[in-house]
Amino acid sequence: MARPIKETPVLYGKDARQFEQQMKECKPLSCERKAEMEKNYATFKKIAQFPLP
């Protein structure tokens, strides 16, 4: 039987400010990086030994 998932801890002070700043500075993926990730996904999907949707 699976163990219950613990609650996510609440951030305070410096950690909270740092997390918020990092969320605001989110950078989108470059087209090259996205293409590389899609290629890798296709490769893994091709060699997978279990059914994928």
N, C-alpha and C. Protein backbone atom coordinates (compact mmCIF):
# COMPACT_ATOMS: atom_id res chain seq x y z
N MET A 1 0.84 -1.18 0.00
CA MET A 1 0.00 0.00 0.00
C MET A 1 0.89 1.25 0.00
N ALA A 2 0.50 2.24 -0.75
CA ALA A 2 1.30 3.46 -0.87
C ALA A 2 1.21 4.31 0.39
N ARG A 3 2.30 4.99 0.65
CA ARG A 3 2.31 5.92 1.78
C ARG A 3 1.66 7.23 1.36
N PRO A 4 1.02 7.96 2.28
CA PRO A 4 0.40 9.23 1.92
C PRO A 4 1.46 10.27 1.55
N ILE A 5 1.08 11.18 0.66
CA ILE A 5 1.98 12.25 0.24
C ILE A 5 1.97 13.33 1.31
N LYS A 6 3.16 13.78 1.70
CA LYS A 6 3.27 14.83 2.71
C LYS A 6 2.87 16.18 2.11
N GLU A 7 2.42 17.09 2.99
CA GLU A 7 2.08 18.43 2.54
C GLU A 7 3.34 19.16 2.09
N THR A 8 3.17 20.04 1.11
CA THR A 8 4.28 20.86 0.65
C THR A 8 4.57 21.91 1.71
N PRO A 9 5.83 22.06 2.10
CA PRO A 9 6.15 23.05 3.13
C PRO A 9 5.95 24.48 2.62
N VAL A 10 5.61 25.37 3.52
CA VAL A 10 5.42 26.78 3.20
C VAL A 10 6.76 27.49 3.30
N LEU A 11 7.06 28.32 2.31
CA LEU A 11 8.32 29.06 2.31
C LEU A 11 8.14 30.39 3.01
N TYR A 12 9.17 30.80 3.74
CA TYR A 12 9.15 32.08 4.46
C TYR A 12 10.44 32.83 4.18
N GLY A 13 10.40 34.15 4.36
CA GLY A 13 11.59 34.98 4.33
C GLY A 13 12.35 34.93 3.01
N LYS A 14 13.68 34.76 3.13
CA LYS A 14 14.57 34.79 1.98
C LYS A 14 14.19 33.73 0.95
N ASP A 15 13.86 32.52 1.41
CA ASP A 15 13.50 31.44 0.49
C ASP A 15 12.25 31.80 -0.32
N ALA A 16 11.26 32.40 0.33
CA ALA A 16 10.03 32.78 -0.35
C ALA A 16 10.30 33.86 -1.39
N ARG A 17 11.09 34.87 -1.05
CA ARG A 17 11.43 35.94 -2.00
C ARG A 17 12.21 35.39 -3.19
N GLN A 18 13.15 34.50 -2.92
CA GLN A 18 13.96 33.90 -3.98
C GLN A 18 13.09 33.06 -4.92
N PHE A 19 12.18 32.27 -4.37
CA PHE A 19 11.28 31.46 -5.17
C PHE A 19 10.40 32.33 -6.05
N GLU A 20 9.84 33.39 -5.48
CA GLU A 20 8.97 34.29 -6.24
C GLU A 20 9.74 34.96 -7.37
N GLN A 21 10.96 35.38 -7.11
CA GLN A 21 11.78 36.02 -8.14
C GLN A 21 12.09 35.04 -9.28
N GLN A 22 12.41 33.80 -8.94
CA GLN A 22 12.71 32.80 -9.95
C GLN A 22 11.47 32.50 -10.81
N MET A 23 10.29 32.53 -10.21
CA MET A 23 9.06 32.30 -10.96
C MET A 23 8.80 33.44 -11.94
N LYS A 24 9.14 34.66 -11.56
CA LYS A 24 8.94 35.81 -12.44
C LYS A 24 9.94 35.82 -13.59
N GLU A 25 11.12 35.26 -13.39
CA GLU A 25 12.17 35.27 -14.40
C GLU A 25 12.18 34.01 -15.27
N CYS A 26 11.05 33.35 -15.38
CA CYS A 26 10.95 32.12 -16.17
C CYS A 26 11.27 32.43 -17.63
N LYS A 27 12.23 31.68 -18.19
CA LYS A 27 12.65 31.90 -19.57
C LYS A 27 12.05 30.80 -20.46
N PRO A 28 11.49 31.19 -21.61
CA PRO A 28 10.94 30.18 -22.51
C PRO A 28 12.04 29.34 -23.16
N LEU A 29 11.69 28.14 -23.58
CA LEU A 29 12.66 27.26 -24.24
C LEU A 29 12.97 27.79 -25.65
N SER A 30 14.21 27.59 -26.07
CA SER A 30 14.56 27.95 -27.43
C SER A 30 13.99 26.89 -28.37
N CYS A 31 13.85 27.24 -29.63
CA CYS A 31 13.31 26.29 -30.61
C CYS A 31 14.22 25.07 -30.74
N GLU A 32 15.54 25.30 -30.66
CA GLU A 32 16.48 24.20 -30.78
C GLU A 32 16.34 23.22 -29.61
N ARG A 33 16.22 23.76 -28.41
CA ARG A 33 16.09 22.92 -27.21
C ARG A 33 14.79 22.13 -27.25
N LYS A 34 13.71 22.80 -27.68
CA LYS A 34 12.42 22.12 -27.76
C LYS A 34 12.47 21.00 -28.79
N ALA A 35 13.09 21.23 -29.94
CA ALA A 35 13.21 20.20 -30.97
C ALA A 35 14.03 19.02 -30.45
N GLU A 36 15.11 19.30 -29.72
CA GLU A 36 15.94 18.24 -29.14
C GLU A 36 15.13 17.40 -28.16
N MET A 37 14.33 18.03 -27.33
CA MET A 37 13.51 17.31 -26.35
C MET A 37 12.47 16.44 -27.05
N GLU A 38 11.84 16.96 -28.11
CA GLU A 38 10.86 16.19 -28.85
C GLU A 38 11.50 14.98 -29.53
N LYS A 39 12.71 15.16 -30.06
CA LYS A 39 13.44 14.06 -30.69
C LYS A 39 13.75 12.98 -29.66
N ASN A 40 14.22 13.39 -28.48
CA ASN A 40 14.52 12.42 -27.42
C ASN A 40 13.26 11.67 -26.97
N TYR A 41 12.16 12.39 -26.86
CA TYR A 41 10.89 11.76 -26.47
C TYR A 41 10.49 10.70 -27.50
N ALA A 42 10.60 11.05 -28.78
CA ALA A 42 10.24 10.11 -29.84
C ALA A 42 11.13 8.87 -29.78
N THR A 43 12.41 9.05 -29.49
CA THR A 43 13.33 7.92 -29.38
C THR A 43 12.93 7.00 -28.24
N PHE A 44 12.67 7.57 -27.08
CA PHE A 44 12.28 6.75 -25.92
C PHE A 44 10.92 6.08 -26.14
N LYS A 45 10.01 6.78 -26.79
CA LYS A 45 8.70 6.20 -27.06
C LYS A 45 8.84 5.00 -28.01
N LYS A 46 9.77 5.11 -28.95
CA LYS A 46 9.99 4.04 -29.91
C LYS A 46 10.55 2.78 -29.25
N ILE A 47 11.43 2.94 -28.24
CA ILE A 47 12.06 1.78 -27.62
C ILE A 47 11.34 1.30 -26.36
N ALA A 48 10.25 1.98 -25.99
CA ALA A 48 9.52 1.61 -24.78
C ALA A 48 8.94 0.20 -24.90
N GLN A 49 8.94 -0.53 -23.81
CA GLN A 49 8.43 -1.91 -23.78
C GLN A 49 7.03 -1.99 -23.20
N PHE A 50 6.37 -0.88 -23.03
CA PHE A 50 5.01 -0.87 -22.49
C PHE A 50 4.16 0.01 -23.37
N PRO A 51 2.85 -0.22 -23.40
CA PRO A 51 1.99 0.56 -24.30
C PRO A 51 1.89 2.02 -23.85
N LEU A 52 2.04 2.92 -24.79
CA LEU A 52 1.88 4.35 -24.54
C LEU A 52 0.66 4.84 -25.29
N PRO A 53 -0.06 5.79 -24.73
CA PRO A 53 -1.25 6.32 -25.42
C PRO A 53 -0.86 7.13 -26.64
